[in-house]
Amino acid sequence: MKKIRILIILIIFASAVYLAGTSLFAEEEPLLVNKALYAEPTTKEEVVLPEKVLERFIYLDQLSIDASSVILLNAETGHIIFEKNSHTSLPTASMSKMMTELLVLEAIDEKQINWDTEITISEYSSYISSQPGFASVHLQEGKEYTVEQLFDAMAIHSANGAAIALAEAVSGSELTFVEEMNARAEQLGLKDTSFVNSTGLSNKDLDTYYSVGTASDTNRMSATDVAVLAQYLITTYPDILQVVNQSELLFENQVFTNTNWLLPDTTDSVTDYQGVDGLKTGYTEEAGYCFTGTVEQQGVRLISVVMGTSSIESRFIETEKLYNQAFPQYLP
């Protein structure tokens, strides 16, 4: 019995020694950090940058424009490229005729009138068209002119009498037409806009014929509102560019020049700019020299507004500065 116990003890001892030796020589599992150190290197995916800066990063913050209010935007996307006092409501002068143009075009769409509709010139329209310095094409009281003749005179030469005649034809009176101008402005979200006449002249220039506001009132818009109106006008009625890009107007056997000196076909080669095809100039003593321009190069169309410049040339020179700085950001 004693021998059996000794044998069992020897067997247990031998087993313990065997197990200890197996554990001693077993391969240890490397730590995770060691795996990371010896892992195969991975290839990083190459980041491809766009050839041109994304539009949301395009902004001309180092640009000095000599005007009271300015805005430049992409006509397709509405992206603002530059602005200065762009929400300040200022006298717009004849740039407000873009709203008159819009309402006339909408009246044609609604078949209230057509391009061949003949309009009889009123005393008011004839009086304004005979005033010197009012961008006039002389309209004879009682004489008939077509909508197309009057529209072209208004859009190309900024004829004030023609704008009044069209307003009276569309709405029966300028008073009602102005109400429709303000209602349309509200529909378009033009928050800094108010109209008192169809032309952009100051009411005092209309003598006793003004019908809305007081003699000291005038049409007012912000540069932002003007740009939004211009964008809507040329987007909804792109054919208007085929009218406003004409360098001359033939009216009653007389030739009148386009007031937009940036058009490439104008006689003023100093300020003409390739790709410009619109849109509307403006001047009154209160407004200063103003210009809403639109230009297209290689499929990129811009809309610009400068208000309150100091001279007839400066409104175009300052606009050129905007275009010269903006296009290199878009074009290859």
C-alpha atoms as a PDB file:
ATOM      1  CA  MET A   1       0.000   0.000   0.000  1.00  0.00           C
ATOM      2  CA  LYS A   2       2.841   2.309   0.822  1.00  0.00           C
ATOM      3  CA  LYS A   3       4.417   1.548  -2.557  1.00  0.00           C
ATOM      4  CA  ILE A   4       1.182   2.454  -4.365  1.00  0.00           C
ATOM      5  CA  ARG A   5       1.007   5.844  -2.675  1.00  0.00           C
ATOM      6  CA  ILE A   6       4.604   6.586  -3.608  1.00  0.00           C
ATOM      7  CA  LEU A   7       3.811   5.624  -7.240  1.00  0.00           C
ATOM      8  CA  ILE A   8       0.809   7.979  -7.373  1.00  0.00           C
ATOM      9  CA  ILE A   9       2.891  10.841  -5.991  1.00  0.00           C
ATOM     10  CA  LEU A  10       5.582  10.233  -8.633  1.00  0.00           C
ATOM     11  CA  ILE A  11       2.961  10.215 -11.419  1.00  0.00           C
ATOM     12  CA  ILE A  12       1.468  13.533 -10.217  1.00  0.00           C
ATOM     13  CA  PHE A  13       4.894  15.123  -9.938  1.00  0.00           C
ATOM     14  CA  ALA A  14       5.881  13.978 -13.450  1.00  0.00           C
ATOM     15  CA  SER A  15       2.662  15.385 -14.919  1.00  0.00           C
ATOM     16  CA  ALA A  16       3.245  18.758 -13.259  1.00  0.00           C
ATOM     17  CA  VAL A  17       6.765  18.958 -14.649  1.00  0.00           C
ATOM     18  CA  TYR A  18       5.508  18.120 -18.176  1.00  0.00           C
ATOM     19  CA  LEU A  19       2.798  20.763 -18.113  1.00  0.00           C
ATOM     20  CA  ALA A  20       5.177  23.411 -16.811  1.00  0.00           C
ATOM     21  CA  GLY A  21       7.615  22.704 -19.634  1.00  0.00           C
ATOM     22  CA  THR A  22       4.914  22.943 -22.307  1.00  0.00           C
ATOM     23  CA  SER A  23       3.772  26.348 -21.052  1.00  0.00           C
ATOM     24  CA  LEU A  24       7.328  27.630 -20.811  1.00  0.00           C
ATOM     25  CA  PHE A  25       8.093  26.935 -24.481  1.00  0.00           C
ATOM     26  CA  ALA A  26       4.677  27.926 -25.941  1.00  0.00           C
ATOM     27  CA  GLU A  27       4.617  30.856 -28.495  1.00  0.00           C
ATOM     28  CA  GLU A  28       3.286  34.002 -26.896  1.00  0.00           C
ATOM     29  CA  GLU A  29       0.488  35.974 -28.691  1.00  0.00           C
ATOM     30  CA  PRO A  30       1.955  39.389 -29.729  1.00  0.00           C
ATOM     31  CA  LEU A  31       0.237  42.468 -28.388  1.00  0.00           C
ATOM     32  CA  LEU A  32      -2.142  44.391 -30.643  1.00  0.00           C
ATOM     33  CA  VAL A  33       0.251  47.285 -30.714  1.00  0.00           C
ATOM     34  CA  ASN A  34       2.891  44.958 -32.155  1.00  0.00           C
ATOM     35  CA  LYS A  35       0.474  43.912 -34.888  1.00  0.00           C
ATOM     36  CA  ALA A  36      -0.029  47.525 -35.776  1.00  0.00           C
ATOM     37  CA  LEU A  37       3.709  48.140 -35.904  1.00  0.00           C
ATOM     38  CA  TYR A  38       4.311  45.297 -38.309  1.00  0.00           C
ATOM     39  CA  ALA A  39       1.143  45.619 -40.384  1.00  0.00           C
ATOM     40  CA  GLU A  40       1.435  46.053 -44.147  1.00  0.00           C
ATOM     41  CA  PRO A  41       1.333  49.807 -45.118  1.00  0.00           C
ATOM     42  CA  THR A  42      -1.935  50.888 -46.783  1.00  0.00           C
ATOM     43  CA  THR A  43      -2.089  53.118 -49.885  1.00  0.00           C
ATOM     44  CA  LYS A  44      -3.859  56.447 -49.250  1.00  0.00           C
ATOM     45  CA  GLU A  45      -6.557  57.448 -51.759  1.00  0.00           C
ATOM     46  CA  GLU A  46      -5.456  60.469 -53.800  1.00  0.00           C
ATOM     47  CA  VAL A  47      -7.594  63.565 -53.311  1.00  0.00           C
ATOM     48  CA  VAL A  48      -8.375  65.226 -56.646  1.00  0.00           C
ATOM     49  CA  LEU A  49      -9.000  68.958 -56.366  1.00  0.00           C
ATOM     50  CA  PRO A  50     -11.205  70.802 -58.893  1.00  0.00           C
ATOM     51  CA  GLU A  51      -9.392  72.781 -61.553  1.00  0.00           C
ATOM     52  CA  LYS A  52     -11.299  75.917 -60.537  1.00  0.00           C
ATOM     53  CA  VAL A  53     -12.313  77.214 -57.156  1.00  0.00           C
ATOM     54  CA  LEU A  54     -15.832  76.136 -56.211  1.00  0.00           C
ATOM     55  CA  GLU A  55     -18.274  78.972 -56.774  1.00  0.00           C
ATOM     56  CA  ARG A  56     -19.185  79.271 -53.124  1.00  0.00           C
ATOM     57  CA  PHE A  57     -15.611  80.389 -52.475  1.00  0.00           C
ATOM     58  CA  ILE A  58     -15.614  83.056 -55.199  1.00  0.00           C
ATOM     59  CA  TYR A  59     -15.887  86.514 -53.665  1.00  0.00           C
ATOM     60  CA  LEU A  60     -14.034  89.661 -54.681  1.00  0.00           C
ATOM     61  CA  ASP A  61     -13.274  91.161 -51.282  1.00  0.00           C
ATOM     62  CA  GLN A  62     -10.211  93.143 -52.383  1.00  0.00           C
ATOM     63  CA  LEU A  63     -12.021  95.313 -54.929  1.00  0.00           C
ATOM     64  CA  SER A  64     -12.672  99.039 -54.742  1.00  0.00           C
ATOM     65  CA  ILE A  65     -15.654 100.298 -56.752  1.00  0.00           C
ATOM     66  CA  ASP A  66     -16.420 104.022 -56.848  1.00  0.00           C
ATOM     67  CA  ALA A  67     -20.215 103.916 -56.542  1.00  0.00           C
ATOM     68  CA  SER A  68     -22.797 104.372 -53.803  1.00  0.00           C
ATOM     69  CA  SER A  69     -24.129 100.837 -54.143  1.00  0.00           C
ATOM     70  CA  VAL A  70     -22.908  97.797 -56.079  1.00  0.00           C
ATOM     71  CA  ILE A  71     -23.700  94.149 -56.646  1.00  0.00           C
ATOM     72  CA  LEU A  72     -22.332  91.472 -58.985  1.00  0.00           C
ATOM     73  CA  LEU A  73     -23.866  88.017 -59.250  1.00  0.00           C
ATOM     74  CA  ASN A  74     -23.911  84.882 -61.348  1.00  0.00           C
ATOM     75  CA  ALA A  75     -27.085  85.109 -63.451  1.00  0.00           C
ATOM     76  CA  GLU A  76     -27.649  81.333 -63.443  1.00  0.00           C
ATOM     77  CA  THR A  77     -27.034  80.504 -59.777  1.00  0.00           C
ATOM     78  CA  GLY A  78     -27.659  83.849 -58.093  1.00  0.00           C
ATOM     79  CA  HIS A  79     -24.314  83.548 -56.273  1.00  0.00           C
ATOM     80  CA  ILE A  80     -23.161  86.980 -55.105  1.00  0.00           C
ATOM     81  CA  ILE A  81     -19.578  87.664 -56.213  1.00  0.00           C
ATOM     82  CA  PHE A  82     -19.288  91.202 -54.867  1.00  0.00           C
ATOM     83  CA  GLU A  83     -21.514  93.666 -53.052  1.00  0.00           C
ATOM     84  CA  LYS A  84     -21.305  97.083 -51.457  1.00  0.00           C
ATOM     85  CA  ASN A  85     -24.262  98.702 -49.676  1.00  0.00           C
ATOM     86  CA  SER A  86     -26.389  96.398 -51.805  1.00  0.00           C
ATOM     87  CA  HIS A  87     -29.489  96.557 -49.583  1.00  0.00           C
ATOM     88  CA  THR A  88     -29.626 100.354 -49.376  1.00  0.00           C
ATOM     89  CA  SER A  89     -32.726 101.742 -51.112  1.00  0.00           C
ATOM     90  CA  LEU A  90     -31.647 104.496 -53.516  1.00  0.00           C
ATOM     91  CA  PRO A  91     -33.130 106.403 -56.479  1.00  0.00           C
ATOM     92  CA  THR A  92     -32.931 104.125 -59.517  1.00  0.00           C
ATOM     93  CA  ALA A  93     -33.689 106.524 -62.372  1.00  0.00           C
ATOM     94  CA  SER A  94     -34.437 104.696 -65.640  1.00  0.00           C
ATOM     95  CA  MET A  95     -33.240 101.307 -64.381  1.00  0.00           C
ATOM     96  CA  SER A  96     -36.754 101.018 -62.959  1.00  0.00           C
ATOM     97  CA  LYS A  97     -37.991 100.782 -66.571  1.00  0.00           C
ATOM     98  CA  MET A  98     -37.072  97.095 -66.326  1.00  0.00           C
ATOM     99  CA  MET A  99     -40.238  96.655 -64.283  1.00  0.00           C
ATOM    100  CA  THR A 100     -42.200  98.517 -66.956  1.00  0.00           C
ATOM    101  CA  GLU A 101     -40.677  96.196 -69.560  1.00  0.00           C
ATOM    102  CA  LEU A 102     -41.620  93.157 -67.493  1.00  0.00           C
ATOM    103  CA  LEU A 103     -45.274  94.209 -67.122  1.00  0.00           C
ATOM    104  CA  VAL A 104     -45.565  94.969 -70.836  1.00  0.00           C
ATOM    105  CA  LEU A 105     -44.128  91.560 -71.745  1.00  0.00           C
ATOM    106  CA  GLU A 106     -46.480  89.851 -69.312  1.00  0.00           C
ATOM    107  CA  ALA A 107     -49.432  91.772 -70.814  1.00  0.00           C
ATOM    108  CA  ILE A 108     -48.403  90.481 -74.231  1.00  0.00           C
ATOM    109  CA  ASP A 109     -48.224  86.937 -72.863  1.00  0.00           C
ATOM    110  CA  GLU A 110     -51.713  87.369 -71.408  1.00  0.00           C
ATOM    111  CA  LYS A 111     -52.935  88.687 -74.792  1.00  0.00           C
ATOM    112  CA  GLN A 112     -54.045  92.043 -73.386  1.00  0.00           C
ATOM    113  CA  ILE A 113     -51.972  93.616 -76.155  1.00  0.00           C
ATOM    114  CA  ASN A 114     -49.640  92.397 -78.897  1.00  0.00           C
ATOM    115  CA  TRP A 115     -46.601  93.787 -80.658  1.00  0.00           C
ATOM    116  CA  ASP A 116     -48.741  95.243 -83.430  1.00  0.00           C
ATOM    117  CA  THR A 117     -51.284  96.910 -81.124  1.00  0.00           C
ATOM    118  CA  GLU A 118     -51.469 100.615 -81.963  1.00  0.00           C
ATOM    119  CA  ILE A 119     -51.317 103.080 -79.073  1.00  0.00           C
ATOM    120  CA  THR A 120     -52.576 106.634 -79.333  1.00  0.00           C
ATOM    121  CA  ILE A 121     -50.221 109.105 -77.674  1.00  0.00           C
ATOM    122  CA  SER A 122     -51.719 111.098 -74.810  1.00  0.00           C
ATOM    123  CA  GLU A 123     -51.023 114.696 -73.872  1.00  0.00           C
ATOM    124  CA  TYR A 124     -48.929 113.495 -70.916  1.00  0.00           C
ATOM    125  CA  SER A 125     -46.785 111.136 -72.980  1.00  0.00           C
ATOM    126  CA  SER A 126     -46.270 113.748 -75.708  1.00  0.00           C
ATOM    127  CA  TYR A 127     -45.343 116.448 -73.176  1.00  0.00           C
ATOM    128  CA  ILE A 128     -42.664 114.330 -71.527  1.00  0.00           C
ATOM    129  CA  SER A 129     -41.266 113.177 -74.865  1.00  0.00           C
ATOM    130  CA  SER A 130     -40.742 116.779 -75.938  1.00  0.00           C
ATOM    131  CA  GLN A 131     -38.654 117.731 -72.899  1.00  0.00           C
ATOM    132  CA  PRO A 132     -34.912 118.172 -73.575  1.00  0.00           C
ATOM    133  CA  GLY A 133     -32.621 115.836 -71.671  1.00  0.00           C
ATOM    134  CA  PHE A 134     -35.297 113.177 -71.124  1.00  0.00           C
ATOM    135  CA  ALA A 135     -33.850 110.642 -73.607  1.00  0.00           C
ATOM    136  CA  SER A 136     -36.745 111.572 -75.839  1.00  0.00           C
ATOM    137  CA  VAL A 137     -38.019 110.291 -79.128  1.00  0.00           C
ATOM    138  CA  HIS A 138     -40.572 112.890 -80.043  1.00  0.00           C
ATOM    139  CA  LEU A 139     -44.093 111.432 -79.830  1.00  0.00           C
ATOM    140  CA  GLN A 140     -46.891 113.472 -81.326  1.00  0.00           C
ATOM    141  CA  GLU A 141     -50.076 113.753 -79.308  1.00  0.00           C
ATOM    142  CA  GLY A 142     -52.923 111.877 -80.998  1.00  0.00           C
ATOM    143  CA  LYS A 143     -50.604 109.915 -83.274  1.00  0.00           C
ATOM    144  CA  GLU A 144     -50.542 106.114 -83.177  1.00  0.00           C
ATOM    145  CA  TYR A 145     -47.456 103.970 -82.667  1.00  0.00           C
ATOM    146  CA  THR A 146     -47.199 100.196 -82.282  1.00  0.00           C
ATOM    147  CA  VAL A 147     -46.291  98.498 -79.028  1.00  0.00           C
ATOM    148  CA  GLU A 148     -43.110  97.239 -80.682  1.00  0.00           C
ATOM    149  CA  GLN A 149     -42.038 100.766 -81.716  1.00  0.00           C
ATOM    150  CA  LEU A 150     -42.599 102.153 -78.229  1.00  0.00           C
ATOM    151  CA  PHE A 151     -41.013  99.164 -76.467  1.00  0.00           C
ATOM    152  CA  ASP A 152     -37.864  99.415 -78.581  1.00  0.00           C
ATOM    153  CA  ALA A 153     -37.653 103.165 -77.945  1.00  0.00           C
ATOM    154  CA  MET A 154     -37.948 102.570 -74.204  1.00  0.00           C
ATOM    155  CA  ALA A 155     -35.541  99.622 -74.038  1.00  0.00           C
ATOM    156  CA  ILE A 156     -32.833 100.882 -76.417  1.00  0.00           C
ATOM    157  CA  HIS A 157     -32.906 104.672 -76.015  1.00  0.00           C
ATOM    158  CA  SER A 158     -34.628 104.830 -72.589  1.00  0.00           C
ATOM    159  CA  ALA A 159     -37.442 106.985 -74.003  1.00  0.00           C
ATOM    160  CA  ASN A 160     -39.593 108.217 -71.118  1.00  0.00           C
ATOM    161  CA  GLY A 161     -42.620 109.220 -73.199  1.00  0.00           C
ATOM    162  CA  ALA A 162     -42.686 105.732 -74.704  1.00  0.00           C
ATOM    163  CA  ALA A 163     -42.711 104.162 -71.211  1.00  0.00           C
ATOM    164  CA  ILE A 164     -45.680 106.328 -70.205  1.00  0.00           C
ATOM    165  CA  ALA A 165     -47.601 105.456 -73.373  1.00  0.00           C
ATOM    166  CA  LEU A 166     -47.070 101.748 -72.752  1.00  0.00           C
ATOM    167  CA  ALA A 167     -48.122 102.057 -69.104  1.00  0.00           C
ATOM    168  CA  GLU A 168     -51.343 103.807 -70.131  1.00  0.00           C
ATOM    169  CA  ALA A 169     -52.041 101.163 -72.785  1.00  0.00           C
ATOM    170  CA  VAL A 170     -51.542  98.229 -70.393  1.00  0.00           C
ATOM    171  CA  SER A 171     -53.415  99.578 -67.370  1.00  0.00           C
ATOM    172  CA  GLY A 172     -55.511 102.514 -68.580  1.00  0.00           C
ATOM    173  CA  SER A 173     -53.539 105.052 -66.551  1.00  0.00           C
ATOM    174  CA  GLU A 174     -50.080 105.431 -65.085  1.00  0.00           C
ATOM    175  CA  LEU A 175     -51.626 105.503 -61.611  1.00  0.00           C
ATOM    176  CA  THR A 176     -53.019 101.972 -62.021  1.00  0.00           C
ATOM    177  CA  PHE A 177     -49.843 100.807 -63.732  1.00  0.00           C
ATOM    178  CA  VAL A 178     -47.698 101.991 -60.808  1.00  0.00           C
ATOM    179  CA  GLU A 179     -49.942 100.070 -58.422  1.00  0.00           C
ATOM    180  CA  GLU A 180     -49.284  96.981 -60.528  1.00  0.00           C
ATOM    181  CA  MET A 181     -45.535  97.708 -60.517  1.00  0.00           C
ATOM    182  CA  ASN A 182     -45.488  97.759 -56.719  1.00  0.00           C
ATOM    183  CA  ALA A 183     -47.637  94.639 -56.482  1.00  0.00           C
ATOM    184  CA  ARG A 184     -45.293  92.784 -58.855  1.00  0.00           C
ATOM    185  CA  ALA A 185     -42.287  93.958 -56.859  1.00  0.00           C
ATOM    186  CA  GLU A 186     -43.822  92.457 -53.730  1.00  0.00           C
ATOM    187  CA  GLN A 187     -44.485  89.169 -55.546  1.00  0.00           C
ATOM    188  CA  LEU A 188     -40.837  89.031 -56.624  1.00  0.00           C
ATOM    189  CA  GLY A 189     -39.658  89.660 -53.061  1.00  0.00           C
ATOM    190  CA  LEU A 190     -38.183  93.091 -53.776  1.00  0.00           C
ATOM    191  CA  LYS A 191     -38.227  94.360 -50.211  1.00  0.00           C
ATOM    192  CA  ASP A 192     -36.336  97.626 -50.735  1.00  0.00           C
ATOM    193  CA  THR A 193     -38.393  98.834 -53.713  1.00  0.00           C
ATOM    194  CA  SER A 194     -41.079 101.474 -54.183  1.00  0.00           C
ATOM    195  CA  PHE A 195     -42.350 102.937 -57.458  1.00  0.00           C
ATOM    196  CA  VAL A 196     -44.172 106.233 -58.032  1.00  0.00           C
ATOM    197  CA  ASN A 197     -44.057 106.308 -61.851  1.00  0.00           C
ATOM    198  CA  SER A 198     -43.319 104.168 -64.890  1.00  0.00           C
ATOM    199  CA  THR A 199     -40.183 105.991 -66.037  1.00  0.00           C
ATOM    200  CA  GLY A 200     -37.798 106.513 -63.140  1.00  0.00           C
ATOM    201  CA  LEU A 201     -37.893 110.279 -63.506  1.00  0.00           C
ATOM    202  CA  SER A 202     -38.376 112.272 -60.344  1.00  0.00           C
ATOM    203  CA  ASN A 203     -41.997 113.310 -59.859  1.00  0.00           C
ATOM    204  CA  LYS A 204     -40.959 116.951 -59.995  1.00  0.00           C
ATOM    205  CA  ASP A 205     -39.797 116.343 -63.585  1.00  0.00           C
ATOM    206  CA  LEU A 206     -43.296 115.184 -64.497  1.00  0.00           C
ATOM    207  CA  ASP A 207     -44.729 118.622 -63.708  1.00  0.00           C
ATOM    208  CA  THR A 208     -48.432 118.320 -62.873  1.00  0.00           C
ATOM    209  CA  TYR A 209     -48.784 114.872 -64.439  1.00  0.00           C
ATOM    210  CA  TYR A 210     -47.470 112.749 -61.584  1.00  0.00           C
ATOM    211  CA  SER A 211     -50.165 110.641 -59.953  1.00  0.00           C
ATOM    212  CA  VAL A 212     -48.497 108.786 -57.052  1.00  0.00           C
ATOM    213  CA  GLY A 213     -46.720 110.293 -54.066  1.00  0.00           C
ATOM    214  CA  THR A 214     -45.488 113.864 -53.812  1.00  0.00           C
ATOM    215  CA  ALA A 215     -43.461 116.093 -56.097  1.00  0.00           C
ATOM    216  CA  SER A 216     -40.275 115.201 -54.201  1.00  0.00           C
ATOM    217  CA  ASP A 217     -40.766 111.441 -54.572  1.00  0.00           C
ATOM    218  CA  THR A 218     -38.953 109.162 -57.006  1.00  0.00           C
ATOM    219  CA  ASN A 219     -38.609 105.444 -57.686  1.00  0.00           C
ATOM    220  CA  ARG A 220     -36.301 103.711 -55.219  1.00  0.00           C
ATOM    221  CA  MET A 221     -34.677 100.273 -55.222  1.00  0.00           C
ATOM    222  CA  SER A 222     -31.670  98.588 -53.690  1.00  0.00           C
ATOM    223  CA  ALA A 223     -28.916  97.210 -55.911  1.00  0.00           C
ATOM    224  CA  THR A 224     -29.929  93.721 -54.777  1.00  0.00           C
ATOM    225  CA  ASP A 225     -33.536  94.302 -55.853  1.00  0.00           C
ATOM    226  CA  VAL A 226     -32.424  95.692 -59.216  1.00  0.00           C
ATOM    227  CA  ALA A 227     -30.237  92.629 -59.809  1.00  0.00           C
ATOM    228  CA  VAL A 228     -33.034  90.226 -58.845  1.00  0.00           C
ATOM    229  CA  LEU A 229     -35.424  92.027 -61.199  1.00  0.00           C
ATOM    230  CA  ALA A 230     -32.864  91.918 -64.016  1.00  0.00           C
ATOM    231  CA  GLN A 231     -32.219  88.221 -63.400  1.00  0.00           C
ATOM    232  CA  TYR A 232     -35.926  87.429 -63.512  1.00  0.00           C
ATOM    233  CA  LEU A 233     -36.464  89.556 -66.629  1.00  0.00           C
ATOM    234  CA  ILE A 234     -33.746  87.990 -68.777  1.00  0.00           C
ATOM    235  CA  THR A 235     -34.448  84.476 -67.505  1.00  0.00           C
ATOM    236  CA  THR A 236     -38.196  84.661 -68.151  1.00  0.00           C
ATOM    237  CA  TYR A 237     -37.917  86.694 -71.355  1.00  0.00           C
ATOM    238  CA  PRO A 238     -34.443  85.987 -72.798  1.00  0.00           C
ATOM    239  CA  ASP A 239     -35.473  87.448 -76.165  1.00  0.00           C
ATOM    240  CA  ILE A 240     -35.328  90.914 -74.616  1.00  0.00           C
ATOM    241  CA  LEU A 241     -31.557  90.689 -74.986  1.00  0.00           C
ATOM    242  CA  GLN A 242     -32.049  90.720 -78.759  1.00  0.00           C
ATOM    243  CA  VAL A 243     -33.661  94.143 -78.343  1.00  0.00           C
ATOM    244  CA  VAL A 244     -31.416  95.809 -75.779  1.00  0.00           C
ATOM    245  CA  ASN A 245     -28.191  94.682 -77.478  1.00  0.00           C
ATOM    246  CA  GLN A 246     -28.880  96.815 -80.550  1.00  0.00           C
ATOM    247  CA  SER A 247     -26.450  99.700 -80.760  1.00  0.00           C
ATOM    248  CA  GLU A 248     -28.924 101.993 -82.546  1.00  0.00           C
ATOM    249  CA  LEU A 249     -32.652 102.639 -82.775  1.00  0.00           C
ATOM    250  CA  LEU A 250     -34.318 103.761 -85.990  1.00  0.00           C
ATOM    251  CA  PHE A 251     -37.476 105.638 -85.041  1.00  0.00           C
ATOM    252  CA  GLU A 252     -39.501 107.819 -87.377  1.00  0.00           C
ATOM    253  CA  ASN A 253     -36.559 108.042 -89.806  1.00  0.00           C
ATOM    254  CA  GLN A 254     -34.244 109.219 -87.029  1.00  0.00           C
ATOM    255  CA  VAL A 255     -31.326 107.283 -85.566  1.00  0.00           C
ATOM    256  CA  PHE A 256     -30.925 107.206 -81.793  1.00  0.00           C
ATOM    257  CA  THR A 257     -27.958 105.586 -80.051  1.00  0.00           C
ATOM    258  CA  ASN A 258     -28.195 102.975 -77.335  1.00  0.00           C
ATOM    259  CA  THR A 259     -27.385 104.486 -73.948  1.00  0.00           C
ATOM    260  CA  ASN A 260     -25.341 101.377 -73.045  1.00  0.00           C
ATOM    261  CA  TRP A 261     -21.755 102.208 -73.988  1.00  0.00           C
ATOM    262  CA  LEU A 262     -20.437  98.774 -73.013  1.00  0.00           C
ATOM    263  CA  LEU A 263     -22.070  97.119 -76.018  1.00  0.00           C
ATOM    264  CA  PRO A 264     -19.303  95.867 -78.364  1.00  0.00           C
ATOM    265  CA  ASP A 265     -20.916  97.457 -81.436  1.00  0.00           C
ATOM    266  CA  THR A 266     -21.147 100.987 -80.045  1.00  0.00           C
ATOM    267  CA  THR A 267     -19.028 103.768 -81.490  1.00  0.00           C
ATOM    268  CA  ASP A 268     -17.305 104.272 -78.125  1.00  0.00           C
ATOM    269  CA  SER A 269     -14.419 101.794 -78.352  1.00  0.00           C
ATOM    270  CA  VAL A 270     -12.978 102.955 -75.022  1.00  0.00           C
ATOM    271  CA  THR A 271     -15.695 101.401 -72.909  1.00  0.00           C
ATOM    272  CA  ASP A 272     -17.066  98.565 -75.055  1.00  0.00           C
ATOM    273  CA  TYR A 273     -16.736  95.110 -73.502  1.00  0.00           C
ATOM    274  CA  GLN A 274     -16.873  91.756 -75.244  1.00  0.00           C
ATOM    275  CA  GLY A 275     -19.949  89.735 -74.331  1.00  0.00           C
ATOM    276  CA  VAL A 276     -22.073  92.588 -72.979  1.00  0.00           C
ATOM    277  CA  ASP A 277     -25.625  92.441 -74.371  1.00  0.00           C
ATOM    278  CA  GLY A 278     -27.676  94.521 -71.913  1.00  0.00           C
ATOM    279  CA  LEU A 279     -29.290  95.861 -69.948  1.00  0.00           C
ATOM    280  CA  LYS A 280     -30.383  99.309 -68.638  1.00  0.00           C
ATOM    281  CA  THR A 281     -28.849 102.674 -67.872  1.00  0.00           C
ATOM    282  CA  GLY A 282     -30.252 105.392 -65.652  1.00  0.00           C
ATOM    283  CA  TYR A 283     -29.607 108.974 -64.647  1.00  0.00           C
ATOM    284  CA  THR A 284     -31.325 111.681 -62.649  1.00  0.00           C
ATOM    285  CA  GLU A 285     -29.843 114.352 -60.440  1.00  0.00           C
ATOM    286  CA  GLU A 286     -30.975 112.411 -57.366  1.00  0.00           C
ATOM    287  CA  ALA A 287     -29.775 108.998 -58.577  1.00  0.00           C
ATOM    288  CA  GLY A 288     -26.502 109.928 -60.203  1.00  0.00           C
ATOM    289  CA  TYR A 289     -25.258 107.742 -63.036  1.00  0.00           C
ATOM    290  CA  CYS A 290     -26.459 104.138 -62.779  1.00  0.00           C
ATOM    291  CA  PHE A 291     -26.129 100.989 -64.852  1.00  0.00           C
ATOM    292  CA  THR A 292     -27.463  97.447 -64.794  1.00  0.00           C
ATOM    293  CA  GLY A 293     -25.270  95.331 -67.029  1.00  0.00           C
ATOM    294  CA  THR A 294     -25.249  91.739 -68.182  1.00  0.00           C
ATOM    295  CA  VAL A 295     -22.396  89.951 -69.921  1.00  0.00           C
ATOM    296  CA  GLU A 296     -21.750  86.389 -71.081  1.00  0.00           C
ATOM    297  CA  GLN A 297     -18.414  84.752 -71.817  1.00  0.00           C
ATOM    298  CA  GLN A 298     -17.904  81.020 -72.461  1.00  0.00           C
ATOM    299  CA  GLY A 299     -21.300  80.157 -71.026  1.00  0.00           C
ATOM    300  CA  VAL A 300     -20.917  82.175 -67.828  1.00  0.00           C
ATOM    301  CA  ARG A 301     -23.389  85.063 -67.513  1.00  0.00           C
ATOM    302  CA  LEU A 302     -23.002  87.787 -64.918  1.00  0.00           C
ATOM    303  CA  ILE A 303     -25.366  90.567 -63.836  1.00  0.00           C
ATOM    304  CA  SER A 304     -23.995  93.781 -62.358  1.00  0.00           C
ATOM    305  CA  VAL A 305     -25.543  96.872 -60.823  1.00  0.00           C
ATOM    306  CA  VAL A 306     -23.736 100.106 -60.023  1.00  0.00           C
ATOM    307  CA  MET A 307     -25.657 103.041 -58.549  1.00  0.00           C
ATOM    308  CA  GLY A 308     -24.674 106.604 -57.823  1.00  0.00           C
ATOM    309  CA  THR A 309     -21.484 106.938 -59.847  1.00  0.00           C
ATOM    310  CA  SER A 310     -20.106 110.383 -60.609  1.00  0.00           C
ATOM    311  CA  SER A 311     -20.166 110.529 -64.418  1.00  0.00           C
ATOM    312  CA  ILE A 312     -21.639 108.962 -67.521  1.00  0.00           C
ATOM    313  CA  GLU A 313     -18.342 107.165 -68.211  1.00  0.00           C
ATOM    314  CA  SER A 314     -17.639 106.050 -64.658  1.00  0.00           C
ATOM    315  CA  ARG A 315     -20.707 103.793 -64.462  1.00  0.00           C
ATOM    316  CA  PHE A 316     -19.217 101.754 -67.307  1.00  0.00           C
ATOM    317  CA  ILE A 317     -15.617 101.919 -66.072  1.00  0.00           C
ATOM    318  CA  GLU A 318     -16.611 100.645 -62.629  1.00  0.00           C
ATOM    319  CA  THR A 319     -18.655  97.872 -64.243  1.00  0.00           C
ATOM    320  CA  GLU A 320     -15.640  96.814 -66.307  1.00  0.00           C
ATOM    321  CA  LYS A 321     -13.631  96.487 -63.091  1.00  0.00           C
ATOM    322  CA  LEU A 322     -16.182  94.006 -61.790  1.00  0.00           C
ATOM    323  CA  TYR A 323     -16.113  91.909 -64.951  1.00  0.00           C
ATOM    324  CA  ASN A 324     -12.308  91.957 -65.246  1.00  0.00           C
ATOM    325  CA  GLN A 325     -11.933  90.611 -61.716  1.00  0.00           C
ATOM    326  CA  ALA A 326     -14.768  88.079 -61.850  1.00  0.00           C
ATOM    327  CA  PHE A 327     -14.264  86.222 -65.118  1.00  0.00           C
ATOM    328  CA  PRO A 328     -10.759  84.882 -64.321  1.00  0.00           C
ATOM    329  CA  GLN A 329     -12.360  83.101 -61.343  1.00  0.00           C
ATOM    330  CA  TYR A 330     -14.698  81.196 -63.674  1.00  0.00           C
ATOM    331  CA  LEU A 331     -12.923  80.795 -66.992  1.00  0.00           C
ATOM    332  CA  PRO A 332      -9.926  78.518 -67.727  1.00  0.00           C
END
